[in-house]
Amino acid sequence: MSQISRDDVARLAKLARLALTDQELDSFAGQLDAILGHVSQIQAVDTGDAKPTGSPLASVNVSRADVVQPCLTQEEALAEAPAAVDGRFAVPQILGEAE
């Protein structure tokens, strides 16, 4: 037994403001009916004894500890830069901005 008719698909297409041909309406009706059939099979599965989970994997904190470590000085960071101005990286002008 079909769960969704061609008329149902036409109505949904109209609500979504989609222009579908007769061939597309027939094709989509069959595809949507198959999808609803699979959903019905899944809904029929007895899940009464299954514990609800958000993820099948154990929750593990994968973050590292926030530890202060030495970093580059301003001079070291700018040492390999193609250009630097006033202790900052110098980049090409964009969008006609004033220099």
PDB file of N, CA and C in Angstrom:
ATOM      1  N   MET A   1       0.838  -1.183   0.000  1.00  0.00           N
ATOM      2  CA  MET A   1       0.000   0.000   0.000  1.00  0.00           C
ATOM      3  C   MET A   1       0.881   1.244   0.000  1.00  0.00           C
ATOM      4  N   SER A   2       0.567   2.167  -0.824  1.00  0.00           N
ATOM      5  CA  SER A   2       1.347   3.394  -0.954  1.00  0.00           C
ATOM      6  C   SER A   2       1.041   4.340   0.206  1.00  0.00           C
ATOM      7  N   GLN A   3       2.100   4.875   0.803  1.00  0.00           N
ATOM      8  CA  GLN A   3       1.926   5.796   1.923  1.00  0.00           C
ATOM      9  C   GLN A   3       1.816   7.242   1.465  1.00  0.00           C
ATOM     10  N   ILE A   4       2.317   7.542   0.282  1.00  0.00           N
ATOM     11  CA  ILE A   4       2.264   8.907  -0.229  1.00  0.00           C
ATOM     12  C   ILE A   4       1.820   8.852  -1.698  1.00  0.00           C
ATOM     13  N   SER A   5       0.886   9.706  -2.023  1.00  0.00           N
ATOM     14  CA  SER A   5       0.346   9.699  -3.384  1.00  0.00           C
ATOM     15  C   SER A   5       1.001  10.780  -4.232  1.00  0.00           C
ATOM     16  N   ARG A   6       0.730  10.684  -5.509  1.00  0.00           N
ATOM     17  CA  ARG A   6       1.223  11.690  -6.449  1.00  0.00           C
ATOM     18  C   ARG A   6       0.643  13.061  -6.096  1.00  0.00           C
ATOM     19  N   ASP A   7      -0.614  13.088  -5.645  1.00  0.00           N
ATOM     20  CA  ASP A   7      -1.258  14.345  -5.244  1.00  0.00           C
ATOM     21  C   ASP A   7      -0.578  14.950  -4.008  1.00  0.00           C
ATOM     22  N   ASP A   8      -0.151  14.065  -3.084  1.00  0.00           N
ATOM     23  CA  ASP A   8       0.581  14.555  -1.908  1.00  0.00           C
ATOM     24  C   ASP A   8       1.885  15.226  -2.329  1.00  0.00           C
ATOM     25  N   VAL A   9       2.583  14.605  -3.275  1.00  0.00           N
ATOM     26  CA  VAL A   9       3.843  15.166  -3.766  1.00  0.00           C
ATOM     27  C   VAL A   9       3.580  16.498  -4.462  1.00  0.00           C
ATOM     28  N   ALA A  10       2.519  16.574  -5.251  1.00  0.00           N
ATOM     29  CA  ALA A  10       2.171  17.821  -5.940  1.00  0.00           C
ATOM     30  C   ALA A  10       1.871  18.924  -4.929  1.00  0.00           C
ATOM     31  N   ARG A  11       1.186  18.583  -3.853  1.00  0.00           N
ATOM     32  CA  ARG A  11       0.869  19.577  -2.814  1.00  0.00           C
ATOM     33  C   ARG A  11       2.139  20.053  -2.114  1.00  0.00           C
ATOM     34  N   LEU A  12       3.012  19.115  -1.785  1.00  0.00           N
ATOM     35  CA  LEU A  12       4.279  19.482  -1.151  1.00  0.00           C
ATOM     36  C   LEU A  12       5.128  20.355  -2.075  1.00  0.00           C
ATOM     37  N   ALA A  13       5.129  20.018  -3.358  1.00  0.00           N
ATOM     38  CA  ALA A  13       5.892  20.806  -4.328  1.00  0.00           C
ATOM     39  C   ALA A  13       5.336  22.220  -4.410  1.00  0.00           C
ATOM     40  N   LYS A  14       4.012  22.334  -4.377  1.00  0.00           N
ATOM     41  CA  LYS A  14       3.392  23.668  -4.428  1.00  0.00           C
ATOM     42  C   LYS A  14       3.755  24.478  -3.187  1.00  0.00           C
ATOM     43  N   LEU A  15       3.727  23.834  -2.008  1.00  0.00           N
ATOM     44  CA  LEU A  15       4.094  24.528  -0.761  1.00  0.00           C
ATOM     45  C   LEU A  15       5.550  24.982  -0.786  1.00  0.00           C
ATOM     46  N   ALA A  16       6.403  24.176  -1.411  1.00  0.00           N
ATOM     47  CA  ALA A  16       7.828  24.511  -1.508  1.00  0.00           C
ATOM     48  C   ALA A  16       8.127  25.391  -2.716  1.00  0.00           C
ATOM     49  N   ARG A  17       7.075  25.740  -3.449  1.00  0.00           N
ATOM     50  CA  ARG A  17       7.205  26.573  -4.653  1.00  0.00           C
ATOM     51  C   ARG A  17       8.149  25.950  -5.674  1.00  0.00           C
ATOM     52  N   LEU A  18       7.950  24.643  -5.882  1.00  0.00           N
ATOM     53  CA  LEU A  18       8.729  23.908  -6.871  1.00  0.00           C
ATOM     54  C   LEU A  18       7.828  23.584  -8.060  1.00  0.00           C
ATOM     55  N   ALA A  19       8.319  23.821  -9.246  1.00  0.00           N
ATOM     56  CA  ALA A  19       7.595  23.464 -10.457  1.00  0.00           C
ATOM     57  C   ALA A  19       8.091  22.097 -10.910  1.00  0.00           C
ATOM     58  N   LEU A  20       7.239  21.072 -10.777  1.00  0.00           N
ATOM     59  CA  LEU A  20       7.626  19.715 -11.146  1.00  0.00           C
ATOM     60  C   LEU A  20       6.790  19.246 -12.331  1.00  0.00           C
ATOM     61  N   THR A  21       7.432  18.495 -13.205  1.00  0.00           N
ATOM     62  CA  THR A  21       6.721  17.912 -14.340  1.00  0.00           C
ATOM     63  C   THR A  21       5.945  16.687 -13.861  1.00  0.00           C
ATOM     64  N   ASP A  22       5.047  16.182 -14.706  1.00  0.00           N
ATOM     65  CA  ASP A  22       4.294  14.977 -14.354  1.00  0.00           C
ATOM     66  C   ASP A  22       5.226  13.798 -14.124  1.00  0.00           C
ATOM     67  N   GLN A  23       6.267  13.699 -14.932  1.00  0.00           N
ATOM     68  CA  GLN A  23       7.234  12.612 -14.773  1.00  0.00           C
ATOM     69  C   GLN A  23       7.957  12.728 -13.421  1.00  0.00           C
ATOM     70  N   GLU A  24       8.328  13.950 -13.041  1.00  0.00           N
ATOM     71  CA  GLU A  24       8.999  14.150 -11.749  1.00  0.00           C
ATOM     72  C   GLU A  24       8.060  13.840 -10.591  1.00  0.00           C
ATOM     73  N   LEU A  25       6.794  14.208 -10.703  1.00  0.00           N
ATOM     74  CA  LEU A  25       5.830  13.905  -9.641  1.00  0.00           C
ATOM     75  C   LEU A  25       5.713  12.398  -9.441  1.00  0.00           C
ATOM     76  N   ASP A  26       5.628  11.646 -10.536  1.00  0.00           N
ATOM     77  CA  ASP A  26       5.535  10.188 -10.436  1.00  0.00           C
ATOM     78  C   ASP A  26       6.806   9.599  -9.834  1.00  0.00           C
ATOM     79  N   SER A  27       7.957  10.099 -10.279  1.00  0.00           N
ATOM     80  CA  SER A  27       9.242   9.595  -9.794  1.00  0.00           C
ATOM     81  C   SER A  27       9.412   9.884  -8.299  1.00  0.00           C
ATOM     82  N   PHE A  28       9.141  11.124  -7.908  1.00  0.00           N
ATOM     83  CA  PHE A  28       9.308  11.502  -6.501  1.00  0.00           C
ATOM     84  C   PHE A  28       8.309  10.795  -5.596  1.00  0.00           C
ATOM     85  N   ALA A  29       7.099  10.542  -6.095  1.00  0.00           N
ATOM     86  CA  ALA A  29       6.107   9.818  -5.299  1.00  0.00           C
ATOM     87  C   ALA A  29       6.637   8.428  -4.967  1.00  0.00           C
ATOM     88  N   GLY A  30       7.225   7.745  -5.963  1.00  0.00           N
ATOM     89  CA  GLY A  30       7.794   6.423  -5.712  1.00  0.00           C
ATOM     90  C   GLY A  30       8.971   6.466  -4.760  1.00  0.00           C
ATOM     91  N   GLN A  31       9.840   7.452  -4.928  1.00  0.00           N
ATOM     92  CA  GLN A  31      11.016   7.566  -4.068  1.00  0.00           C
ATOM     93  C   GLN A  31      10.616   7.883  -2.627  1.00  0.00           C
ATOM     94  N   LEU A  32       9.700   8.831  -2.456  1.00  0.00           N
ATOM     95  CA  LEU A  32       9.259   9.189  -1.104  1.00  0.00           C
ATOM     96  C   LEU A  32       8.518   8.032  -0.444  1.00  0.00           C
ATOM     97  N   ASP A  33       7.759   7.277  -1.227  1.00  0.00           N
ATOM     98  CA  ASP A  33       7.062   6.111  -0.684  1.00  0.00           C
ATOM     99  C   ASP A  33       8.062   5.073  -0.186  1.00  0.00           C
ATOM    100  N   ALA A  34       9.151   4.871  -0.942  1.00  0.00           N
ATOM    101  CA  ALA A  34      10.197   3.924  -0.520  1.00  0.00           C
ATOM    102  C   ALA A  34      10.863   4.397   0.768  1.00  0.00           C
ATOM    103  N   ILE A  35      11.121   5.698   0.852  1.00  0.00           N
ATOM    104  CA  ILE A  35      11.745   6.248   2.064  1.00  0.00           C
ATOM    105  C   ILE A  35      10.829   6.050   3.263  1.00  0.00           C
ATOM    106  N   LEU A  36       9.547   6.343   3.101  1.00  0.00           N
ATOM    107  CA  LEU A  36       8.601   6.178   4.205  1.00  0.00           C
ATOM    108  C   LEU A  36       8.457   4.710   4.593  1.00  0.00           C
ATOM    109  N   GLY A  37       8.588   3.814   3.635  1.00  0.00           N
ATOM    110  CA  GLY A  37       8.562   2.385   3.939  1.00  0.00           C
ATOM    111  C   GLY A  37       9.735   1.976   4.811  1.00  0.00           C
ATOM    112  N   HIS A  38      10.907   2.490   4.497  1.00  0.00           N
ATOM    113  CA  HIS A  38      12.094   2.191   5.314  1.00  0.00           C
ATOM    114  C   HIS A  38      11.961   2.794   6.712  1.00  0.00           C
ATOM    115  N   VAL A  39      11.419   3.992   6.806  1.00  0.00           N
ATOM    116  CA  VAL A  39      11.211   4.622   8.117  1.00  0.00           C
ATOM    117  C   VAL A  39      10.241   3.790   8.942  1.00  0.00           C
ATOM    118  N   SER A  40       9.204   3.260   8.317  1.00  0.00           N
ATOM    119  CA  SER A  40       8.240   2.411   9.029  1.00  0.00           C
ATOM    120  C   SER A  40       8.910   1.152   9.568  1.00  0.00           C
ATOM    121  N   GLN A  41       9.811   0.556   8.774  1.00  0.00           N
ATOM    122  CA  GLN A  41      10.537  -0.624   9.244  1.00  0.00           C
ATOM    123  C   GLN A  41      11.397  -0.293  10.453  1.00  0.00           C
ATOM    124  N   ILE A  42      12.058   0.849  10.412  1.00  0.00           N
ATOM    125  CA  ILE A  42      12.923   1.250  11.532  1.00  0.00           C
ATOM    126  C   ILE A  42      12.086   1.522  12.776  1.00  0.00           C
ATOM    127  N   GLN A  43      10.921   2.165  12.594  1.00  0.00           N
ATOM    128  CA  GLN A  43      10.059   2.452  13.731  1.00  0.00           C
ATOM    129  C   GLN A  43       9.478   1.184  14.347  1.00  0.00           C
ATOM    130  N   ALA A  44       9.392   0.112  13.568  1.00  0.00           N
ATOM    131  CA  ALA A  44       8.829  -1.141  14.064  1.00  0.00           C
ATOM    132  C   ALA A  44       9.802  -1.910  14.953  1.00  0.00           C
ATOM    133  N   VAL A  45      11.063  -1.545  14.973  1.00  0.00           N
ATOM    134  CA  VAL A  45      12.065  -2.237  15.781  1.00  0.00           C
ATOM    135  C   VAL A  45      11.799  -1.966  17.260  1.00  0.00           C
ATOM    136  N   ASP A  46      11.827  -3.060  18.057  1.00  0.00           N
ATOM    137  CA  ASP A  46      11.607  -2.927  19.498  1.00  0.00           C
ATOM    138  C   ASP A  46      12.885  -2.396  20.150  1.00  0.00           C
ATOM    139  N   THR A  47      12.812  -1.183  20.668  1.00  0.00           N
ATOM    140  CA  THR A  47      13.973  -0.555  21.309  1.00  0.00           C
ATOM    141  C   THR A  47      13.738  -0.344  22.799  1.00  0.00           C
ATOM    142  N   GLY A  48      12.794  -1.077  23.352  1.00  0.00           N
ATOM    143  CA  GLY A  48      12.437  -0.894  24.764  1.00  0.00           C
ATOM    144  C   GLY A  48      13.581  -1.152  25.724  1.00  0.00           C
ATOM    145  N   ASP A  49      14.454  -2.108  25.404  1.00  0.00           N
ATOM    146  CA  ASP A  49      15.558  -2.445  26.309  1.00  0.00           C
ATOM    147  C   ASP A  49      16.828  -1.663  26.017  1.00  0.00           C
ATOM    148  N   ALA A  50      16.822  -0.869  24.967  1.00  0.00           N
ATOM    149  CA  ALA A  50      18.030  -0.118  24.594  1.00  0.00           C
ATOM    150  C   ALA A  50      18.148   1.141  25.439  1.00  0.00           C
ATOM    151  N   LYS A  51      19.350   1.370  25.947  1.00  0.00           N
ATOM    152  CA  LYS A  51      19.594   2.580  26.727  1.00  0.00           C
ATOM    153  C   LYS A  51      19.847   3.744  25.771  1.00  0.00           C
ATOM    154  N   PRO A  52      19.221   4.883  26.008  1.00  0.00           N
ATOM    155  CA  PRO A  52      19.467   6.027  25.121  1.00  0.00           C
ATOM    156  C   PRO A  52      20.892   6.547  25.286  1.00  0.00           C
ATOM    157  N   THR A  53      21.514   6.896  24.163  1.00  0.00           N
ATOM    158  CA  THR A  53      22.858   7.451  24.186  1.00  0.00           C
ATOM    159  C   THR A  53      22.940   8.612  23.211  1.00  0.00           C
ATOM    160  N   GLY A  54      23.817   9.529  23.486  1.00  0.00           N
ATOM    161  CA  GLY A  54      24.069  10.627  22.563  1.00  0.00           C
ATOM    162  C   GLY A  54      25.114  10.234  21.546  1.00  0.00           C
ATOM    163  N   SER A  55      25.961   9.278  21.913  1.00  0.00           N
ATOM    164  CA  SER A  55      27.029   8.822  21.052  1.00  0.00           C
ATOM    165  C   SER A  55      27.368   7.387  21.445  1.00  0.00           C
ATOM    166  N   PRO A  56      27.677   6.536  20.482  1.00  0.00           N
ATOM    167  CA  PRO A  56      28.048   5.169  20.837  1.00  0.00           C
ATOM    168  C   PRO A  56      29.438   5.074  21.458  1.00  0.00           C
ATOM    169  N   LEU A  57      30.210   6.145  21.365  1.00  0.00           N
ATOM    170  CA  LEU A  57      31.559   6.155  21.919  1.00  0.00           C
ATOM    171  C   LEU A  57      31.557   6.756  23.311  1.00  0.00           C
ATOM    172  N   ALA A  58      32.465   6.301  24.129  1.00  0.00           N
ATOM    173  CA  ALA A  58      32.587   6.843  25.480  1.00  0.00           C
ATOM    174  C   ALA A  58      33.048   8.298  25.403  1.00  0.00           C
ATOM    175  N   SER A  59      32.491   9.113  26.268  1.00  0.00           N
ATOM    176  CA  SER A  59      32.895  10.522  26.299  1.00  0.00           C
ATOM    177  C   SER A  59      34.257  10.637  26.957  1.00  0.00           C
ATOM    178  N   VAL A  60      35.178  11.238  26.227  1.00  0.00           N
ATOM    179  CA  VAL A  60      36.539  11.393  26.730  1.00  0.00           C
ATOM    180  C   VAL A  60      36.952  12.828  26.484  1.00  0.00           C
ATOM    181  N   ASN A  61      37.553  13.448  27.487  1.00  0.00           N
ATOM    182  CA  ASN A  61      38.051  14.804  27.332  1.00  0.00           C
ATOM    183  C   ASN A  61      39.365  14.728  26.569  1.00  0.00           C
ATOM    184  N   VAL A  62      39.358  15.229  25.349  1.00  0.00           N
ATOM    185  CA  VAL A  62      40.551  15.142  24.520  1.00  0.00           C
ATOM    186  C   VAL A  62      41.361  16.435  24.544  1.00  0.00           C
ATOM    187  N   SER A  63      40.989  17.367  25.394  1.00  0.00           N
ATOM    188  CA  SER A  63      41.723  18.626  25.484  1.00  0.00           C
ATOM    189  C   SER A  63      42.983  18.434  26.310  1.00  0.00           C
ATOM    190  N   ARG A  64      44.013  19.140  25.930  1.00  0.00           N
ATOM    191  CA  ARG A  64      45.244  19.081  26.706  1.00  0.00           C
ATOM    192  C   ARG A  64      45.158  20.113  27.834  1.00  0.00           C
ATOM    193  N   ALA A  65      45.985  19.959  28.786  1.00  0.00           N
ATOM    194  CA  ALA A  65      46.027  20.918  29.887  1.00  0.00           C
ATOM    195  C   ALA A  65      46.518  22.263  29.370  1.00  0.00           C
ATOM    196  N   ASP A  66      45.969  23.331  29.899  1.00  0.00           N
ATOM    197  CA  ASP A  66      46.364  24.671  29.492  1.00  0.00           C
ATOM    198  C   ASP A  66      47.608  25.054  30.286  1.00  0.00           C
ATOM    199  N   VAL A  67      48.774  24.885  29.653  1.00  0.00           N
ATOM    200  CA  VAL A  67      50.048  25.127  30.306  1.00  0.00           C
ATOM    201  C   VAL A  67      50.760  26.268  29.581  1.00  0.00           C
ATOM    202  N   VAL A  68      51.228  27.234  30.342  1.00  0.00           N
ATOM    203  CA  VAL A  68      51.966  28.350  29.748  1.00  0.00           C
ATOM    204  C   VAL A  68      53.316  27.835  29.283  1.00  0.00           C
ATOM    205  N   GLN A  69      53.636  28.131  28.013  1.00  0.00           N
ATOM    206  CA  GLN A  69      54.907  27.712  27.450  1.00  0.00           C
ATOM    207  C   GLN A  69      55.573  28.923  26.813  1.00  0.00           C
ATOM    208  N   PRO A  70      56.888  28.884  26.673  1.00  0.00           N
ATOM    209  CA  PRO A  70      57.576  30.018  26.065  1.00  0.00           C
ATOM    210  C   PRO A  70      57.138  30.190  24.607  1.00  0.00           C
ATOM    211  N   CYS A  71      57.084  31.424  24.158  1.00  0.00           N
ATOM    212  CA  CYS A  71      56.716  31.705  22.773  1.00  0.00           C
ATOM    213  C   CYS A  71      57.737  32.661  22.166  1.00  0.00           C
ATOM    214  N   LEU A  72      57.553  32.983  20.904  1.00  0.00           N
ATOM    215  CA  LEU A  72      58.473  33.884  20.211  1.00  0.00           C
ATOM    216  C   LEU A  72      58.364  35.307  20.751  1.00  0.00           C
ATOM    217  N   THR A  73      59.474  35.982  20.752  1.00  0.00           N
ATOM    218  CA  THR A  73      59.435  37.409  21.062  1.00  0.00           C
ATOM    219  C   THR A  73      58.956  38.135  19.812  1.00  0.00           C
ATOM    220  N   GLN A  74      58.659  39.412  19.953  1.00  0.00           N
ATOM    221  CA  GLN A  74      58.212  40.186  18.802  1.00  0.00           C
ATOM    222  C   GLN A  74      59.297  40.222  17.728  1.00  0.00           C
ATOM    223  N   GLU A  75      60.509  40.376  18.133  1.00  0.00           N
ATOM    224  CA  GLU A  75      61.608  40.421  17.174  1.00  0.00           C
ATOM    225  C   GLU A  75      61.771  39.091  16.449  1.00  0.00           C
ATOM    226  N   GLU A  76      61.669  37.973  17.175  1.00  0.00           N
ATOM    227  CA  GLU A  76      61.792  36.652  16.560  1.00  0.00           C
ATOM    228  C   GLU A  76      60.660  36.403  15.558  1.00  0.00           C
ATOM    229  N   ALA A  77      59.452  36.836  15.903  1.00  0.00           N
ATOM    230  CA  ALA A  77      58.308  36.637  15.014  1.00  0.00           C
ATOM    231  C   ALA A  77      58.470  37.435  13.730  1.00  0.00           C
ATOM    232  N   LEU A  78      59.026  38.623  13.823  1.00  0.00           N
ATOM    233  CA  LEU A  78      59.169  39.481  12.650  1.00  0.00           C
ATOM    234  C   LEU A  78      60.471  39.252  11.882  1.00  0.00           C
ATOM    235  N   ALA A  79      61.363  38.421  12.417  1.00  0.00           N
ATOM    236  CA  ALA A  79      62.680  38.242  11.809  1.00  0.00           C
ATOM    237  C   ALA A  79      62.604  37.725  10.369  1.00  0.00           C
ATOM    238  N   GLU A  80      61.695  36.845  10.045  1.00  0.00           N
ATOM    239  CA  GLU A  80      61.587  36.268   8.702  1.00  0.00           C
ATOM    240  C   GLU A  80      60.499  36.922   7.859  1.00  0.00           C
ATOM    241  N   ALA A  81      59.854  37.944   8.384  1.00  0.00           N
ATOM    242  CA  ALA A  81      58.792  38.625   7.633  1.00  0.00           C
ATOM    243  C   ALA A  81      59.394  39.393   6.465  1.00  0.00           C
ATOM    244  N   PRO A  82      58.708  39.405   5.308  1.00  0.00           N
ATOM    245  CA  PRO A  82      59.216  40.170   4.169  1.00  0.00           C
ATOM    246  C   PRO A  82      59.302  41.660   4.477  1.00  0.00           C
ATOM    247  N   ALA A  83      58.369  42.160   5.293  1.00  0.00           N
ATOM    248  CA  ALA A  83      58.388  43.584   5.646  1.00  0.00           C
ATOM    249  C   ALA A  83      57.710  43.759   7.001  1.00  0.00           C
ATOM    250  N   ALA A  84      58.218  44.711   7.774  1.00  0.00           N
ATOM    251  CA  ALA A  84      57.637  45.026   9.076  1.00  0.00           C
ATOM    252  C   ALA A  84      57.674  46.532   9.267  1.00  0.00           C
ATOM    253  N   VAL A  85      56.622  47.053   9.896  1.00  0.00           N
ATOM    254  CA  VAL A  85      56.537  48.484  10.178  1.00  0.00           C
ATOM    255  C   VAL A  85      56.048  48.649  11.609  1.00  0.00           C
ATOM    256  N   ASP A  86      56.760  49.420  12.397  1.00  0.00           N
ATOM    257  CA  ASP A  86      56.393  49.707  13.787  1.00  0.00           C
ATOM    258  C   ASP A  86      56.104  48.440  14.595  1.00  0.00           C
ATOM    259  N   GLY A  87      56.932  47.392  14.394  1.00  0.00           N
ATOM    260  CA  GLY A  87      56.778  46.171  15.179  1.00  0.00           C
ATOM    261  C   GLY A  87      55.621  45.298  14.738  1.00  0.00           C
ATOM    262  N   ARG A  88      55.092  45.507  13.522  1.00  0.00           N
ATOM    263  CA  ARG A  88      53.983  44.698  13.006  1.00  0.00           C
ATOM    264  C   ARG A  88      54.318  44.227  11.599  1.00  0.00           C
ATOM    265  N   PHE A  89      53.647  43.161  11.175  1.00  0.00           N
ATOM    266  CA  PHE A  89      53.802  42.695   9.806  1.00  0.00           C
ATOM    267  C   PHE A  89      53.259  43.756   8.866  1.00  0.00           C
ATOM    268  N   ALA A  90      53.970  44.030   7.783  1.00  0.00           N
ATOM    269  CA  ALA A  90      53.500  44.964   6.763  1.00  0.00           C
ATOM    270  C   ALA A  90      52.937  44.132   5.613  1.00  0.00           C
ATOM    271  N   VAL A  91      51.707  44.459   5.207  1.00  0.00           N
ATOM    272  CA  VAL A  91      51.049  43.725   4.124  1.00  0.00           C
ATOM    273  C   VAL A  91      50.662  44.700   3.027  1.00  0.00           C
ATOM    274  N   PRO A  92      50.455  44.214   1.798  1.00  0.00           N
ATOM    275  CA  PRO A  92      50.081  45.109   0.711  1.00  0.00           C
ATOM    276  C   PRO A  92      48.732  45.778   0.967  1.00  0.00           C
ATOM    277  N   GLN A  93      48.594  46.967   0.427  1.00  0.00           N
ATOM    278  CA  GLN A  93      47.355  47.721   0.550  1.00  0.00           C
ATOM    279  C   GLN A  93      46.254  47.016  -0.245  1.00  0.00           C
ATOM    280  N   ILE A  94      45.032  47.032   0.308  1.00  0.00           N
ATOM    281  CA  ILE A  94      43.895  46.427  -0.398  1.00  0.00           C
ATOM    282  C   ILE A  94      42.729  47.408  -0.454  1.00  0.00           C
ATOM    283  N   LEU A  95      41.873  47.236  -1.421  1.00  0.00           N
ATOM    284  CA  LEU A  95      40.629  47.990  -1.549  1.00  0.00           C
ATOM    285  C   LEU A  95      40.840  49.502  -1.559  1.00  0.00           C
ATOM    286  N   GLY A  96      41.952  49.958  -2.045  1.00  0.00           N
ATOM    287  CA  GLY A  96      42.179  51.397  -2.175  1.00  0.00           C
ATOM    288  C   GLY A  96      42.284  52.144  -0.872  1.00  0.00           C
ATOM    289  N   GLU A  97      42.674  51.459   0.203  1.00  0.00           N
ATOM    290  CA  GLU A  97      42.816  52.125   1.489  1.00  0.00           C
ATOM    291  C   GLU A  97      44.027  53.045   1.455  1.00  0.00           C
ATOM    292  N   ALA A  98      43.952  54.095   2.242  1.00  0.00           N
ATOM    293  CA  ALA A  98      45.083  55.029   2.341  1.00  0.00           C
ATOM    294  C   ALA A  98      46.245  54.328   3.030  1.00  0.00           C
ATOM    295  N   GLU A  99      47.439  54.672   2.610  1.00  0.00           N
ATOM    296  CA  GLU A  99      48.635  54.049   3.201  1.00  0.00           C
ATOM    297  C   GLU A  99      48.908  54.584   4.574  1.00  0.00           C
TER     298      GLU A  99
END
